[in-house]
Amino acid sequence: MEDLNSQLELQINALKALQQKLLADEQAQRQQRISGKIERISEFGKLLNNKRKIVNTLYLIGHFSR
């Protein structure tokens, strides 16, 4: 019976270790997705800012050419 308990404890400990690894992997994947979204949002913001500058420049050109 002692041997059976020992084997069960080893298996439980192995399962707990696997569970911790799975949770860490899921968290890392989630963080990568978040980082990817932030990078895309940042790129979008830069493009939007450049377009705003162009529109402002065109407005000023049109305003002063009247």
N, C-alpha and C. Protein backbone atom coordinates (compact mmCIF):
# COMPACT_ATOMS: atom_id res chain seq x y z
N MET A 1 0.82 -1.19 0.00
CA MET A 1 0.00 0.00 0.00
C MET A 1 0.86 1.26 0.00
N GLU A 2 1.96 1.20 0.74
CA GLU A 2 2.88 2.34 0.81
C GLU A 2 3.45 2.64 -0.58
N ASP A 3 3.76 1.59 -1.34
CA ASP A 3 4.30 1.75 -2.68
C ASP A 3 3.28 2.41 -3.61
N LEU A 4 2.03 2.02 -3.45
CA LEU A 4 0.96 2.60 -4.26
C LEU A 4 0.79 4.08 -3.94
N ASN A 5 0.82 4.44 -2.67
CA ASN A 5 0.72 5.84 -2.27
C ASN A 5 1.88 6.65 -2.82
N SER A 6 3.04 6.08 -2.78
CA SER A 6 4.24 6.76 -3.29
C SER A 6 4.11 7.00 -4.80
N GLN A 7 3.64 6.00 -5.53
CA GLN A 7 3.45 6.15 -6.97
C GLN A 7 2.39 7.21 -7.27
N LEU A 8 1.31 7.19 -6.51
CA LEU A 8 0.26 8.20 -6.71
C LEU A 8 0.78 9.61 -6.44
N GLU A 9 1.58 9.76 -5.40
CA GLU A 9 2.16 11.07 -5.10
C GLU A 9 3.07 11.55 -6.23
N LEU A 10 3.87 10.63 -6.77
CA LEU A 10 4.73 10.99 -7.89
C LEU A 10 3.91 11.43 -9.10
N GLN A 11 2.84 10.70 -9.38
CA GLN A 11 1.99 11.04 -10.52
C GLN A 11 1.28 12.37 -10.29
N ILE A 12 0.82 12.59 -9.08
CA ILE A 12 0.16 13.86 -8.75
C ILE A 12 1.13 15.02 -8.90
N ASN A 13 2.34 14.84 -8.41
CA ASN A 13 3.36 15.89 -8.53
C ASN A 13 3.70 16.16 -10.00
N ALA A 14 3.78 15.10 -10.80
CA ALA A 14 4.06 15.26 -12.23
C ALA A 14 2.92 16.01 -12.90
N LEU A 15 1.68 15.69 -12.54
CA LEU A 15 0.52 16.39 -13.11
C LEU A 15 0.50 17.85 -12.70
N LYS A 16 0.85 18.14 -11.46
CA LYS A 16 0.90 19.53 -11.00
C LYS A 16 1.96 20.31 -11.77
N ALA A 17 3.11 19.67 -12.01
CA ALA A 17 4.17 20.33 -12.77
C ALA A 17 3.72 20.60 -14.20
N LEU A 18 3.04 19.63 -14.80
CA LEU A 18 2.51 19.83 -16.15
C LEU A 18 1.47 20.96 -16.18
N GLN A 19 0.63 21.00 -15.16
CA GLN A 19 -0.39 22.05 -15.06
C GLN A 19 0.27 23.43 -14.97
N GLN A 20 1.31 23.54 -14.17
CA GLN A 20 2.02 24.81 -14.04
C GLN A 20 2.66 25.22 -15.36
N LYS A 21 3.24 24.25 -16.07
CA LYS A 21 3.86 24.53 -17.36
C LYS A 21 2.80 24.98 -18.37
N LEU A 22 1.66 24.33 -18.36
CA LEU A 22 0.58 24.69 -19.26
C LEU A 22 0.09 26.11 -18.98
N LEU A 23 -0.09 26.44 -17.72
CA LEU A 23 -0.52 27.79 -17.36
C LEU A 23 0.51 28.83 -17.78
N ALA A 24 1.78 28.54 -17.59
CA ALA A 24 2.85 29.47 -18.00
C ALA A 24 2.86 29.64 -19.52
N ASP A 25 2.70 28.54 -20.25
CA ASP A 25 2.66 28.62 -21.72
C ASP A 25 1.46 29.43 -22.19
N GLU A 26 0.29 29.21 -21.59
CA GLU A 26 -0.90 29.97 -21.97
C GLU A 26 -0.71 31.45 -21.69
N GLN A 27 -0.12 31.76 -20.56
CA GLN A 27 0.12 33.16 -20.21
C GLN A 27 1.11 33.80 -21.20
N ALA A 28 2.13 33.07 -21.59
CA ALA A 28 3.11 33.58 -22.56
C ALA A 28 2.44 33.83 -23.91
N GLN A 29 1.59 32.90 -24.34
CA GLN A 29 0.87 33.08 -25.60
C GLN A 29 -0.06 34.30 -25.53
N ARG A 30 -0.74 34.46 -24.43
CA ARG A 30 -1.64 35.60 -24.24
C ARG A 30 -0.85 36.91 -24.30
N GLN A 31 0.31 36.92 -23.66
CA GLN A 31 1.16 38.13 -23.66
C GLN A 31 1.66 38.43 -25.07
N GLN A 32 2.00 37.40 -25.83
CA GLN A 32 2.45 37.61 -27.21
C GLN A 32 1.33 38.21 -28.05
N ARG A 33 0.10 37.72 -27.87
CA ARG A 33 -1.04 38.28 -28.62
C ARG A 33 -1.25 39.73 -28.25
N ILE A 34 -1.16 40.06 -26.97
CA ILE A 34 -1.34 41.43 -26.51
C ILE A 34 -0.24 42.31 -27.10
N SER A 35 1.00 41.84 -27.08
CA SER A 35 2.12 42.60 -27.63
C SER A 35 1.92 42.85 -29.12
N GLY A 36 1.45 41.83 -29.82
CA GLY A 36 1.18 41.97 -31.25
C GLY A 36 0.12 43.01 -31.52
N LYS A 37 -0.92 43.03 -30.70
CA LYS A 37 -1.98 44.02 -30.87
C LYS A 37 -1.46 45.42 -30.61
N ILE A 38 -0.63 45.56 -29.59
CA ILE A 38 -0.07 46.88 -29.26
C ILE A 38 0.80 47.36 -30.42
N GLU A 39 1.60 46.48 -30.99
CA GLU A 39 2.44 46.87 -32.12
C GLU A 39 1.58 47.30 -33.30
N ARG A 40 0.51 46.55 -33.58
CA ARG A 40 -0.36 46.93 -34.70
C ARG A 40 -1.06 48.25 -34.43
N ILE A 41 -1.49 48.46 -33.20
CA ILE A 41 -2.14 49.72 -32.84
C ILE A 41 -1.14 50.86 -32.97
N SER A 42 0.08 50.64 -32.54
CA SER A 42 1.12 51.66 -32.63
C SER A 42 1.39 52.01 -34.09
N GLU A 43 1.50 50.99 -34.94
CA GLU A 43 1.72 51.24 -36.37
C GLU A 43 0.55 52.02 -36.96
N PHE A 44 -0.66 51.63 -36.60
CA PHE A 44 -1.85 52.32 -37.08
C PHE A 44 -1.83 53.78 -36.63
N GLY A 45 -1.45 54.02 -35.39
CA GLY A 45 -1.37 55.39 -34.87
C GLY A 45 -0.36 56.22 -35.64
N LYS A 46 0.77 55.64 -35.97
CA LYS A 46 1.79 56.37 -36.74
C LYS A 46 1.26 56.71 -38.13
N LEU A 47 0.60 55.75 -38.79
CA LEU A 47 0.02 56.02 -40.11
C LEU A 47 -1.04 57.11 -40.03
N LEU A 48 -1.88 57.02 -39.01
CA LEU A 48 -2.94 58.01 -38.84
C LEU A 48 -2.34 59.39 -38.59
N ASN A 49 -1.30 59.47 -37.80
CA ASN A 49 -0.65 60.74 -37.53
C ASN A 49 -0.03 61.33 -38.80
N ASN A 50 0.59 60.48 -39.62
CA ASN A 50 1.16 60.95 -40.88
C ASN A 50 0.07 61.48 -41.81
N LYS A 51 -1.06 60.79 -41.88
CA LYS A 51 -2.17 61.26 -42.72
C LYS A 51 -2.71 62.59 -42.19
N ARG A 52 -2.77 62.74 -40.88
CA ARG A 52 -3.23 63.99 -40.29
C ARG A 52 -2.31 65.14 -40.68
N LYS A 53 -1.02 64.89 -40.66
CA LYS A 53 -0.05 65.91 -41.05
C LYS A 53 -0.23 66.31 -42.51
N ILE A 54 -0.47 65.32 -43.37
CA ILE A 54 -0.68 65.61 -44.79
C ILE A 54 -1.94 66.44 -44.97
N VAL A 55 -3.02 66.05 -44.31
CA VAL A 55 -4.27 66.80 -44.41
C VAL A 55 -4.09 68.23 -43.91
N ASN A 56 -3.40 68.40 -42.79
CA ASN A 56 -3.14 69.75 -42.27
C ASN A 56 -2.33 70.57 -43.25
N THR A 57 -1.32 69.95 -43.85
CA THR A 57 -0.50 70.66 -44.83
C THR A 57 -1.33 71.07 -46.04
N LEU A 58 -2.15 70.15 -46.54
CA LEU A 58 -3.00 70.47 -47.69
C LEU A 58 -4.00 71.58 -47.34
N TYR A 59 -4.52 71.54 -46.13
CA TYR A 59 -5.45 72.58 -45.69
C TYR A 59 -4.75 73.94 -45.67
N LEU A 60 -3.55 73.98 -45.12
CA LEU A 60 -2.81 75.23 -45.05
C LEU A 60 -2.46 75.74 -46.44
N ILE A 61 -2.08 74.85 -47.33
CA ILE A 61 -1.77 75.24 -48.71
C ILE A 61 -3.01 75.83 -49.37
N GLY A 62 -4.14 75.15 -49.19
CA GLY A 62 -5.40 75.63 -49.78
C GLY A 62 -5.86 76.92 -49.15
N HIS A 63 -5.66 77.07 -47.86
CA HIS A 63 -6.09 78.27 -47.14
C HIS A 63 -5.29 79.50 -47.57
N PHE A 64 -3.99 79.33 -47.73
CA PHE A 64 -3.14 80.47 -48.07
C PHE A 64 -3.09 80.74 -49.56
N SER A 65 -3.57 79.81 -50.38
CA SER A 65 -3.53 80.04 -51.83
C SER A 65 -4.78 80.78 -52.31
N ARG A 66 -5.71 81.09 -51.43
CA ARG A 66 -6.93 81.79 -51.82
C ARG A 66 -6.70 83.25 -51.98
